[in-house]
C-alpha atoms as a PDB file:
ATOM      1  CA  MET A   1       0.000   0.000   0.000  1.00  0.00           C
ATOM      2  CA  THR A   2       1.240   3.490  -0.844  1.00  0.00           C
ATOM      3  CA  SER A   3       1.220   6.265   1.732  1.00  0.00           C
ATOM      4  CA  SER A   4       0.819  10.030   1.592  1.00  0.00           C
ATOM      5  CA  ILE A   5       1.518  12.598   4.295  1.00  0.00           C
ATOM      6  CA  ALA A   6      -0.865  15.562   4.597  1.00  0.00           C
ATOM      7  CA  LEU A   7       1.255  18.148   6.414  1.00  0.00           C
ATOM      8  CA  CYS A   8       0.089  21.698   7.115  1.00  0.00           C
ATOM      9  CA  THR A   9       2.446  24.523   8.002  1.00  0.00           C
ATOM     10  CA  TYR A  10       2.087  28.054   9.297  1.00  0.00           C
ATOM     11  CA  ASN A  11       5.053  29.880  10.839  1.00  0.00           C
ATOM     12  CA  GLY A  12       6.548  26.572  11.880  1.00  0.00           C
ATOM     13  CA  GLU A  13      10.244  27.325  11.492  1.00  0.00           C
ATOM     14  CA  THR A  14      11.108  26.159  15.025  1.00  0.00           C
ATOM     15  CA  TYR A  15      10.043  22.525  14.702  1.00  0.00           C
ATOM     16  CA  ILE A  16       9.278  21.692  11.054  1.00  0.00           C
ATOM     17  CA  ALA A  17      12.724  20.288  10.240  1.00  0.00           C
ATOM     18  CA  GLU A  18      12.573  17.911  13.205  1.00  0.00           C
ATOM     19  CA  GLN A  19       9.142  16.682  12.093  1.00  0.00           C
ATOM     20  CA  LEU A  20      10.280  16.148   8.510  1.00  0.00           C
ATOM     21  CA  GLU A  21      13.377  14.256   9.623  1.00  0.00           C
ATOM     22  CA  SER A  22      11.214  11.882  11.646  1.00  0.00           C
ATOM     23  CA  ILE A  23       9.105  11.191   8.541  1.00  0.00           C
ATOM     24  CA  LEU A  24      12.159  10.712   6.330  1.00  0.00           C
ATOM     25  CA  SER A  25      13.585   8.263   8.870  1.00  0.00           C
ATOM     26  CA  GLN A  26      10.678   5.813   8.631  1.00  0.00           C
ATOM     27  CA  SER A  27      11.607   2.132   8.327  1.00  0.00           C
ATOM     28  CA  LYS A  28       8.895   1.908   5.634  1.00  0.00           C
ATOM     29  CA  PRO A  29       9.390   4.948   3.394  1.00  0.00           C
ATOM     30  CA  VAL A  30       6.402   7.107   2.504  1.00  0.00           C
ATOM     31  CA  HIS A  31       5.559   7.749  -1.144  1.00  0.00           C
ATOM     32  CA  GLU A  32       4.765  11.449  -1.026  1.00  0.00           C
ATOM     33  CA  ILE A  33       4.753  14.332   1.435  1.00  0.00           C
ATOM     34  CA  ILE A  34       2.115  16.929   0.579  1.00  0.00           C
ATOM     35  CA  ILE A  35       2.738  20.220   2.388  1.00  0.00           C
ATOM     36  CA  CYS A  36       0.283  23.105   2.304  1.00  0.00           C
ATOM     37  CA  ASP A  37       1.560  26.364   3.748  1.00  0.00           C
ATOM     38  CA  ASP A  38      -1.020  28.868   4.945  1.00  0.00           C
ATOM     39  CA  GLY A  39       0.946  32.082   4.512  1.00  0.00           C
ATOM     40  CA  SER A  40       4.011  31.693   6.728  1.00  0.00           C
ATOM     41  CA  THR A  41       5.977  34.892   7.341  1.00  0.00           C
ATOM     42  CA  ASP A  42       8.951  33.331   9.149  1.00  0.00           C
ATOM     43  CA  ASP A  43      11.625  31.023   7.682  1.00  0.00           C
ATOM     44  CA  THR A  44       9.272  28.062   7.204  1.00  0.00           C
ATOM     45  CA  LEU A  45       9.248  28.410   3.409  1.00  0.00           C
ATOM     46  CA  LYS A  46      13.033  28.627   3.259  1.00  0.00           C
ATOM     47  CA  ILE A  47      13.323  25.408   5.272  1.00  0.00           C
ATOM     48  CA  LEU A  48      10.749  23.702   3.058  1.00  0.00           C
ATOM     49  CA  SER A  49      12.606  24.867  -0.043  1.00  0.00           C
ATOM     50  CA  ASP A  50      15.784  23.239   1.226  1.00  0.00           C
ATOM     51  CA  TYR A  51      13.927  19.945   1.684  1.00  0.00           C
ATOM     52  CA  THR A  52      12.257  20.060  -1.735  1.00  0.00           C
ATOM     53  CA  ASP A  53      15.682  20.624  -3.306  1.00  0.00           C
ATOM     54  CA  ARG A  54      16.932  17.497  -1.543  1.00  0.00           C
ATOM     55  CA  PHE A  55      13.833  15.381  -2.194  1.00  0.00           C
ATOM     56  CA  PRO A  56      12.179  16.811  -5.347  1.00  0.00           C
ATOM     57  CA  ASN A  57      10.309  13.600  -6.178  1.00  0.00           C
ATOM     58  CA  LEU A  58       8.988  13.095  -2.663  1.00  0.00           C
ATOM     59  CA  ILE A  59       8.067  16.486  -1.178  1.00  0.00           C
ATOM     60  CA  LYS A  60       5.520  18.770  -2.831  1.00  0.00           C
ATOM     61  CA  VAL A  61       4.832  22.204  -1.339  1.00  0.00           C
ATOM     62  CA  TYR A  62       1.702  24.211  -2.101  1.00  0.00           C
ATOM     63  CA  LEU A  63       1.448  27.875  -1.098  1.00  0.00           C
ATOM     64  CA  ASN A  64      -2.067  29.089  -0.361  1.00  0.00           C
ATOM     65  CA  PRO A  65      -2.769  32.416  -2.119  1.00  0.00           C
ATOM     66  CA  GLU A  66      -4.866  33.367   0.908  1.00  0.00           C
ATOM     67  CA  ASN A  67      -5.063  32.080   4.471  1.00  0.00           C
ATOM     68  CA  LEU A  68      -7.440  29.102   4.644  1.00  0.00           C
ATOM     69  CA  GLY A  69      -7.242  28.514   8.392  1.00  0.00           C
ATOM     70  CA  TYR A  70      -6.367  25.313  10.200  1.00  0.00           C
ATOM     71  CA  VAL A  71      -9.284  23.203   8.938  1.00  0.00           C
ATOM     72  CA  GLY A  72      -9.335  24.564   5.402  1.00  0.00           C
ATOM     73  CA  ASN A  73      -5.606  24.018   5.023  1.00  0.00           C
ATOM     74  CA  PHE A  74      -5.880  20.378   6.100  1.00  0.00           C
ATOM     75  CA  GLU A  75      -8.856  19.853   3.812  1.00  0.00           C
ATOM     76  CA  LYS A  76      -6.747  21.066   0.891  1.00  0.00           C
ATOM     77  CA  ALA A  77      -3.735  18.940   1.855  1.00  0.00           C
ATOM     78  CA  MET A  78      -5.864  15.803   2.230  1.00  0.00           C
ATOM     79  CA  SER A  79      -7.537  16.368  -1.136  1.00  0.00           C
ATOM     80  CA  LEU A  80      -4.133  16.484  -2.863  1.00  0.00           C
ATOM     81  CA  CYS A  81      -2.941  13.139  -1.476  1.00  0.00           C
ATOM     82  CA  SER A  82      -2.828  10.234  -3.921  1.00  0.00           C
ATOM     83  CA  GLY A  83      -1.597   7.360  -1.733  1.00  0.00           C
ATOM     84  CA  ASP A  84      -3.717   4.458  -0.534  1.00  0.00           C
ATOM     85  CA  LEU A  85      -3.276   5.735   3.020  1.00  0.00           C
ATOM     86  CA  VAL A  86      -3.224   9.366   4.172  1.00  0.00           C
ATOM     87  CA  PHE A  87      -1.354  10.229   7.375  1.00  0.00           C
ATOM     88  CA  LEU A  88      -2.336  13.524   9.003  1.00  0.00           C
ATOM     89  CA  CYS A  89       0.689  15.439  10.224  1.00  0.00           C
ATOM     90  CA  ASP A  90       1.244  18.608  12.239  1.00  0.00           C
ATOM     91  CA  GLN A  91       4.367  20.720  11.888  1.00  0.00           C
ATOM     92  CA  ASP A  92       5.617  20.433  15.467  1.00  0.00           C
ATOM     93  CA  ASP A  93       5.522  16.763  16.495  1.00  0.00           C
ATOM     94  CA  ARG A  94       7.780  13.730  16.048  1.00  0.00           C
ATOM     95  CA  TRP A  95       7.097  10.298  14.607  1.00  0.00           C
ATOM     96  CA  TYR A  96       8.695   7.052  15.749  1.00  0.00           C
ATOM     97  CA  SER A  97      10.520   5.245  12.966  1.00  0.00           C
ATOM     98  CA  HIS A  98       8.106   2.279  12.866  1.00  0.00           C
ATOM     99  CA  LYS A  99       4.892   4.333  12.685  1.00  0.00           C
ATOM    100  CA  VAL A 100       4.189   3.988   8.956  1.00  0.00           C
ATOM    101  CA  ALA A 101       5.102   0.294   8.911  1.00  0.00           C
ATOM    102  CA  THR A 102       2.909  -0.508  11.912  1.00  0.00           C
ATOM    103  CA  ILE A 103      -0.139   1.355  10.629  1.00  0.00           C
ATOM    104  CA  THR A 104       0.198   0.047   7.073  1.00  0.00           C
ATOM    105  CA  GLU A 105       0.225  -3.501   8.398  1.00  0.00           C
ATOM    106  CA  ILE A 106      -3.002  -2.826  10.329  1.00  0.00           C
ATOM    107  CA  PHE A 107      -4.761  -1.520   7.210  1.00  0.00           C
ATOM    108  CA  GLU A 108      -3.559  -4.481   5.164  1.00  0.00           C
ATOM    109  CA  ARG A 109      -4.817  -6.915   7.784  1.00  0.00           C
ATOM    110  CA  GLN A 110      -8.058  -5.099   8.677  1.00  0.00           C
ATOM    111  CA  THR A 111      -9.690  -4.469   5.326  1.00  0.00           C
ATOM    112  CA  ALA A 112     -12.882  -2.992   6.824  1.00  0.00           C
ATOM    113  CA  VAL A 113     -10.972  -0.346   8.800  1.00  0.00           C
ATOM    114  CA  ASN A 114     -11.018   3.219   7.425  1.00  0.00           C
ATOM    115  CA  ILE A 115      -9.177   5.080  10.204  1.00  0.00           C
ATOM    116  CA  VAL A 116      -6.396   3.985  12.538  1.00  0.00           C
ATOM    117  CA  CYS A 117      -5.661   6.043  15.663  1.00  0.00           C
ATOM    118  CA  HIS A 118      -2.599   5.362  17.800  1.00  0.00           C
ATOM    119  CA  ASN A 119      -1.432   6.571  21.174  1.00  0.00           C
ATOM    120  CA  VAL A 120       1.217   9.311  21.482  1.00  0.00           C
ATOM    121  CA  LYS A 121       3.600  10.415  24.196  1.00  0.00           C
ATOM    122  CA  LEU A 122       3.494  14.029  25.350  1.00  0.00           C
ATOM    123  CA  PHE A 123       6.685  16.082  25.351  1.00  0.00           C
ATOM    124  CA  GLY A 124       7.744  19.708  25.384  1.00  0.00           C
ATOM    125  CA  GLU A 125       8.278  22.547  27.808  1.00  0.00           C
ATOM    126  CA  MET A 126       5.209  21.702  29.900  1.00  0.00           C
ATOM    127  CA  VAL A 127       6.201  18.049  30.293  1.00  0.00           C
ATOM    128  CA  SER A 128       8.976  16.664  32.490  1.00  0.00           C
ATOM    129  CA  SER A 129      11.445  14.590  30.491  1.00  0.00           C
ATOM    130  CA  SER A 130      11.282  11.915  33.196  1.00  0.00           C
ATOM    131  CA  GLU A 131       7.530  11.439  32.772  1.00  0.00           C
ATOM    132  CA  LYS A 132       5.822   9.128  30.323  1.00  0.00           C
ATOM    133  CA  THR A 133       2.454  10.798  30.001  1.00  0.00           C
ATOM    134  CA  THR A 134       0.421   9.936  26.913  1.00  0.00           C
ATOM    135  CA  TYR A 135      -2.339  11.842  25.190  1.00  0.00           C
ATOM    136  CA  TRP A 136      -4.867   9.262  26.326  1.00  0.00           C
ATOM    137  CA  ASP A 137      -3.881   9.910  29.930  1.00  0.00           C
ATOM    138  CA  LEU A 138      -5.579  13.296  29.556  1.00  0.00           C
ATOM    139  CA  ASP A 139      -8.931  11.517  29.596  1.00  0.00           C
ATOM    140  CA  GLY A 140      -7.995   8.246  31.264  1.00  0.00           C
ATOM    141  CA  ILE A 141      -8.561   6.338  28.024  1.00  0.00           C
ATOM    142  CA  LYS A 142      -7.592   2.692  27.615  1.00  0.00           C
ATOM    143  CA  PRO A 143      -8.040   0.642  24.398  1.00  0.00           C
ATOM    144  CA  GLN A 144      -9.923  -1.989  26.387  1.00  0.00           C
ATOM    145  CA  ASP A 145     -12.611   0.644  27.035  1.00  0.00           C
ATOM    146  CA  PHE A 146     -13.780   0.094  23.444  1.00  0.00           C
ATOM    147  CA  THR A 147     -15.144  -3.446  23.319  1.00  0.00           C
ATOM    148  CA  GLN A 148     -18.611  -2.865  21.863  1.00  0.00           C
ATOM    149  CA  ALA A 149     -19.393  -1.666  18.356  1.00  0.00           C
ATOM    150  CA  GLN A 150     -20.671   1.773  19.385  1.00  0.00           C
ATOM    151  CA  ASP A 151     -18.200   2.491  22.194  1.00  0.00           C
ATOM    152  CA  ILE A 152     -15.933   4.743  20.147  1.00  0.00           C
ATOM    153  CA  ILE A 153     -18.589   6.979  18.654  1.00  0.00           C
ATOM    154  CA  LYS A 154     -20.389   7.318  21.983  1.00  0.00           C
ATOM    155  CA  ARG A 155     -17.139   8.400  23.632  1.00  0.00           C
ATOM    156  CA  ILE A 156     -16.129  10.987  21.069  1.00  0.00           C
ATOM    157  CA  LEU A 157     -19.645  12.291  20.328  1.00  0.00           C
ATOM    158  CA  TYR A 158     -20.873  12.462  23.921  1.00  0.00           C
ATOM    159  CA  HIS A 159     -17.670  13.694  25.566  1.00  0.00           C
ATOM    160  CA  GLY A 160     -15.404  15.100  22.837  1.00  0.00           C
ATOM    161  CA  ASN A 161     -12.641  13.859  20.584  1.00  0.00           C
ATOM    162  CA  ILE A 162      -9.762  11.967  22.196  1.00  0.00           C
ATOM    163  CA  PHE A 163      -7.734  11.158  19.071  1.00  0.00           C
ATOM    164  CA  PRO A 164      -5.547  14.054  17.839  1.00  0.00           C
ATOM    165  CA  GLY A 165      -5.189  14.363  14.076  1.00  0.00           C
ATOM    166  CA  MET A 166      -1.456  13.710  14.172  1.00  0.00           C
ATOM    167  CA  SER A 167      -2.217  10.211  15.489  1.00  0.00           C
ATOM    168  CA  MET A 168      -4.574   9.387  12.591  1.00  0.00           C
ATOM    169  CA  ALA A 169      -4.165   7.591   9.279  1.00  0.00           C
ATOM    170  CA  ILE A 170      -7.066   7.356   6.849  1.00  0.00           C
ATOM    171  CA  ARG A 171      -7.865   5.024   3.969  1.00  0.00           C
ATOM    172  CA  ASN A 172      -7.940   7.332   0.962  1.00  0.00           C
ATOM    173  CA  THR A 173     -11.035   5.798  -0.625  1.00  0.00           C
ATOM    174  CA  PHE A 174     -12.992   6.637   2.538  1.00  0.00           C
ATOM    175  CA  LEU A 175     -11.412  10.096   2.700  1.00  0.00           C
ATOM    176  CA  LYS A 176     -12.337  11.056  -0.845  1.00  0.00           C
ATOM    177  CA  GLU A 177     -15.910   9.860  -0.273  1.00  0.00           C
ATOM    178  CA  ASN A 178     -16.198  12.357   2.588  1.00  0.00           C
ATOM    179  CA  LEU A 179     -14.547  15.405   1.028  1.00  0.00           C
ATOM    180  CA  PRO A 180     -15.346  18.233   0.954  1.00  0.00           C
ATOM    181  CA  LEU A 181     -15.920  18.384   4.691  1.00  0.00           C
ATOM    182  CA  LYS A 182     -19.392  19.289   5.923  1.00  0.00           C
ATOM    183  CA  LYS A 183     -18.034  21.587   8.689  1.00  0.00           C
ATOM    184  CA  VAL A 184     -21.258  21.406  10.676  1.00  0.00           C
ATOM    185  CA  ASN A 185     -19.784  23.051  13.774  1.00  0.00           C
ATOM    186  CA  PRO A 186     -16.552  24.974  14.553  1.00  0.00           C
ATOM    187  CA  VAL A 187     -15.772  22.366  17.225  1.00  0.00           C
ATOM    188  CA  ILE A 188     -16.037  19.514  14.719  1.00  0.00           C
ATOM    189  CA  ILE A 189     -12.810  20.112  12.840  1.00  0.00           C
ATOM    190  CA  HIS A 190     -11.497  17.925  10.001  1.00  0.00           C
ATOM    191  CA  ASP A 191     -10.149  14.998  12.050  1.00  0.00           C
ATOM    192  CA  TYR A 192     -13.130  14.963  14.418  1.00  0.00           C
ATOM    193  CA  GLU A 193     -15.647  14.962  11.561  1.00  0.00           C
ATOM    194  CA  LEU A 194     -13.964  12.056   9.777  1.00  0.00           C
ATOM    195  CA  LEU A 195     -13.696  10.117  13.032  1.00  0.00           C
ATOM    196  CA  LEU A 196     -17.392  10.548  13.776  1.00  0.00           C
ATOM    197  CA  ILE A 197     -18.360   9.232  10.357  1.00  0.00           C
ATOM    198  CA  ALA A 198     -15.951   6.293  10.454  1.00  0.00           C
ATOM    199  CA  SER A 199     -16.828   5.316  14.018  1.00  0.00           C
ATOM    200  CA  ASN A 200     -20.522   5.469  13.115  1.00  0.00           C
ATOM    201  CA  ASN A 201     -19.710   2.798  10.508  1.00  0.00           C
ATOM    202  CA  GLU A 202     -17.626   0.866  13.053  1.00  0.00           C
ATOM    203  CA  SER A 203     -14.478   1.255  10.948  1.00  0.00           C
ATOM    204  CA  VAL A 204     -12.046   2.875  13.433  1.00  0.00           C
ATOM    205  CA  TRP A 205      -9.113   0.894  14.824  1.00  0.00           C
ATOM    206  CA  VAL A 206      -7.654   2.032  18.174  1.00  0.00           C
ATOM    207  CA  GLU A 207      -3.982   1.048  18.282  1.00  0.00           C
ATOM    208  CA  LYS A 208      -2.534   1.063  21.801  1.00  0.00           C
ATOM    209  CA  THR A 209       1.072   1.313  20.578  1.00  0.00           C
ATOM    210  CA  ILE A 210       2.783   4.679  21.100  1.00  0.00           C
ATOM    211  CA  LEU A 211       3.952   5.657  17.617  1.00  0.00           C
ATOM    212  CA  GLY A 212       4.911   9.286  18.034  1.00  0.00           C
ATOM    213  CA  GLU A 213       5.331  12.276  20.307  1.00  0.00           C
ATOM    214  CA  TYR A 214       2.876  15.153  20.635  1.00  0.00           C
ATOM    215  CA  ARG A 215       4.649  18.399  21.413  1.00  0.00           C
ATOM    216  CA  ILE A 216       3.104  20.708  24.040  1.00  0.00           C
ATOM    217  CA  HIS A 217       4.039  24.366  23.541  1.00  0.00           C
ATOM    218  CA  PRO A 218       2.280  27.750  23.846  1.00  0.00           C
ATOM    219  CA  LYS A 219       2.073  28.454  20.094  1.00  0.00           C
ATOM    220  CA  GLN A 220       0.313  25.267  19.013  1.00  0.00           C
ATOM    221  CA  SER A 221      -3.220  25.516  17.604  1.00  0.00           C
ATOM    222  CA  ILE A 222      -4.729  22.840  19.861  1.00  0.00           C
ATOM    223  CA  GLY A 223      -3.453  21.104  22.981  1.00  0.00           C
ATOM    224  CA  TYR A 224      -1.435  23.519  25.080  1.00  0.00           C
ATOM    225  CA  LYS A 225      -4.340  25.012  27.023  1.00  0.00           C
ATOM    226  CA  THR A 226      -5.777  21.576  27.763  1.00  0.00           C
ATOM    227  CA  PHE A 227      -2.522  20.100  28.975  1.00  0.00           C
ATOM    228  CA  SER A 228      -1.446  23.109  31.034  1.00  0.00           C
ATOM    229  CA  HIS A 229      -4.532  22.607  33.229  1.00  0.00           C
ATOM    230  CA  PHE A 230      -4.325  18.821  33.362  1.00  0.00           C
ATOM    231  CA  ASN A 231      -3.418  16.852  36.459  1.00  0.00           C
ATOM    232  CA  ALA A 232      -3.500  13.072  36.079  1.00  0.00           C
ATOM    233  CA  SER A 233      -3.970  12.574  39.817  1.00  0.00           C
ATOM    234  CA  GLU A 234      -7.138  14.661  39.986  1.00  0.00           C
ATOM    235  CA  GLU A 235     -10.407  12.767  40.224  1.00  0.00           C
ATOM    236  CA  GLU A 236     -13.265  14.343  38.297  1.00  0.00           C
ATOM    237  CA  VAL A 237     -16.118  15.450  40.545  1.00  0.00           C
ATOM    238  CA  LEU A 238     -19.656  15.775  39.191  1.00  0.00           C
ATOM    239  CA  THR A 239     -20.583  19.315  40.212  1.00  0.00           C
ATOM    240  CA  ARG A 240     -23.708  21.244  39.318  1.00  0.00           C
ATOM    241  CA  ASN A 241     -21.772  23.150  36.666  1.00  0.00           C
ATOM    242  CA  ASN A 242     -20.498  19.868  35.200  1.00  0.00           C
ATOM    243  CA  LEU A 243     -24.070  18.628  35.044  1.00  0.00           C
ATOM    244  CA  PHE A 244     -25.194  21.793  33.243  1.00  0.00           C
ATOM    245  CA  THR A 245     -22.389  21.318  30.712  1.00  0.00           C
ATOM    246  CA  ILE A 246     -23.522  17.749  30.024  1.00  0.00           C
ATOM    247  CA  PHE A 247     -27.135  18.811  29.407  1.00  0.00           C
ATOM    248  CA  GLN A 248     -26.068  21.843  27.356  1.00  0.00           C
ATOM    249  CA  ARG A 249     -24.138  19.538  25.000  1.00  0.00           C
ATOM    250  CA  HIS A 250     -27.349  17.865  23.791  1.00  0.00           C
ATOM    251  CA  PRO A 251     -28.108  20.402  20.991  1.00  0.00           C
ATOM    252  CA  PHE A 252     -24.530  19.911  19.734  1.00  0.00           C
ATOM    253  CA  VAL A 253     -24.950  16.125  19.763  1.00  0.00           C
ATOM    254  CA  LYS A 254     -28.331  16.361  18.035  1.00  0.00           C
ATOM    255  CA  LYS A 255     -27.009  18.615  15.265  1.00  0.00           C
ATOM    256  CA  ALA A 256     -23.967  16.422  14.651  1.00  0.00           C
ATOM    257  CA  ILE A 257     -26.178  13.335  14.354  1.00  0.00           C
ATOM    258  CA  ASN A 258     -28.554  15.030  11.915  1.00  0.00           C
ATOM    259  CA  GLU A 259     -26.025  16.763   9.676  1.00  0.00           C
ATOM    260  CA  LEU A 260     -23.452  13.975   9.563  1.00  0.00           C
ATOM    261  CA  LYS A 261     -26.207  11.366   9.159  1.00  0.00           C
ATOM    262  CA  LEU A 262     -25.116   9.355  12.169  1.00  0.00           C
ATOM    263  CA  ASN A 263     -27.144   6.606  13.848  1.00  0.00           C
ATOM    264  CA  ILE A 264     -30.309   8.318  15.130  1.00  0.00           C
ATOM    265  CA  ASP A 265     -30.361   6.058  18.201  1.00  0.00           C
ATOM    266  CA  LEU A 266     -27.336   7.975  19.471  1.00  0.00           C
ATOM    267  CA  GLU A 267     -29.541  10.911  20.450  1.00  0.00           C
ATOM    268  CA  ASN A 268     -31.722   8.806  22.744  1.00  0.00           C
ATOM    269  CA  GLY A 269     -28.546   7.314  24.140  1.00  0.00           C
ATOM    270  CA  TYR A 270     -27.269  10.762  25.026  1.00  0.00           C
ATOM    271  CA  LYS A 271     -30.544  11.723  26.689  1.00  0.00           C
ATOM    272  CA  LYS A 272     -30.314   8.586  28.831  1.00  0.00           C
ATOM    273  CA  TYR A 273     -26.737   9.505  29.702  1.00  0.00           C
ATOM    274  CA  CYS A 274     -27.843  13.000  30.779  1.00  0.00           C
ATOM    275  CA  LEU A 275     -30.599  11.629  32.986  1.00  0.00           C
ATOM    276  CA  GLN A 276     -28.254   9.084  34.546  1.00  0.00           C
ATOM    277  CA  GLN A 277     -25.754  11.821  35.384  1.00  0.00           C
ATOM    278  CA  TYR A 278     -28.604  13.856  36.844  1.00  0.00           C
ATOM    279  CA  GLN A 279     -29.506  10.967  39.139  1.00  0.00           C
ATOM    280  CA  ASN A 280     -25.839  10.463  40.060  1.00  0.00           C
ATOM    281  CA  TYR A 281     -25.567  14.117  41.040  1.00  0.00           C
ATOM    282  CA  LEU A 282     -28.690  13.990  43.200  1.00  0.00           C
ATOM    283  CA  LYS A 283     -27.612  10.815  44.995  1.00  0.00           C
ATOM    284  CA  LYS A 284     -24.592  12.602  46.455  1.00  0.00           C
ATOM    285  CA  LEU A 285     -26.741  15.276  48.113  1.00  0.00           C
ATOM    286  CA  PRO A 286     -28.384  15.046  51.560  1.00  0.00           C
ATOM    287  CA  LEU A 287     -32.102  14.334  51.338  1.00  0.00           C
ATOM    288  CA  TRP A 288     -33.291  17.897  52.037  1.00  0.00           C
ATOM    289  CA  GLU A 289     -30.791  19.357  49.531  1.00  0.00           C
ATOM    290  CA  ARG A 290     -31.867  16.763  46.989  1.00  0.00           C
ATOM    291  CA  LEU A 291     -35.490  17.903  47.153  1.00  0.00           C
ATOM    292  CA  ILE A 292     -34.531  21.545  46.718  1.00  0.00           C
ATOM    293  CA  ALA A 293     -32.134  20.678  43.865  1.00  0.00           C
ATOM    294  CA  ARG A 294     -34.871  18.823  41.973  1.00  0.00           C
ATOM    295  CA  LEU A 295     -37.146  21.867  42.131  1.00  0.00           C
ATOM    296  CA  LYS A 296     -34.397  24.296  41.136  1.00  0.00           C
ATOM    297  CA  MET A 297     -33.230  22.133  38.233  1.00  0.00           C
ATOM    298  CA  LYS A 298     -36.724  21.852  36.791  1.00  0.00           C
ATOM    299  CA  TYR A 299     -38.320  25.221  37.477  1.00  0.00           C
ATOM    300  CA  TYR A 300     -35.445  27.691  37.969  1.00  0.00           C
ATOM    301  CA  PHE A 301     -32.606  26.410  35.766  1.00  0.00           C
ATOM    302  CA  HIS A 302     -34.927  24.626  33.285  1.00  0.00           C
ATOM    303  CA  ILE A 303     -32.216  22.050  32.717  1.00  0.00           C
ATOM    304  CA  PHE A 304     -34.527  19.609  30.925  1.00  0.00           C
ATOM    305  CA  ASP A 305     -35.252  22.156  28.189  1.00  0.00           C
ATOM    306  CA  TYR A 306     -31.839  21.272  26.721  1.00  0.00           C
ATOM    307  CA  LEU A 307     -33.116  17.762  25.970  1.00  0.00           C
ATOM    308  CA  LYS A 308     -35.971  18.920  23.726  1.00  0.00           C
END
């Protein structure tokens, strides 16, 4: 199977060379590296020019005449890929040398799989070099959590995406069937949208192997803010505000289901989840507080209106 890299750059002079070297060092070489630059004003283009001079038949750089934004730039890069497999790639991470080989083998063996997501180790200025914290540690995710057919889509639709784009590889036939992106919500960016559709069709493979490193730094588009407030030892407490957030997510879930044509049973599933969390919250309150909370939730906060 042939492989393409969809790599997007924007003022990435600090880390882009390190990322490219990790791709060029793969034990199974890639067939093309498609780079779309979104108007860099630093030395990114000079660095890319040096690499295209060295690898003219491998690296292709496209300069956007106008800024497309993070999602639009990735949509363009993905559309230009011709390989059987498309690996999404950010400008500031690092790949382990066996990443392409490992993922290609999974696709060859699992013919019904359209997306493979692997685990990644966190590194950077916010992460101690002695720690081995992974991206999945942010949400306490374990591959064994996904044993039933709908486990993945329920997790990422009900709670949010847990698979960063740089950990994803996509079968190109599936990708082209789902481009252009529907962009139904600013939160549902390119990787999230494709994951929702693939997981709805039960064609996502969760690979527990750590195949790369996700850099945490203040200038990255996504990730830094989340990690800088993360503490793996903290136990999540279901507060009233948390409960409101869960109920308030229902319109988002409903719209995603309708516009991405996902399984309609997922909406009822989310309503049941909301009501279960509501009961869990009440159970922790003393009896007299519980009675008052029920009245406030229904008549003052109107929390059940979010489920209409």
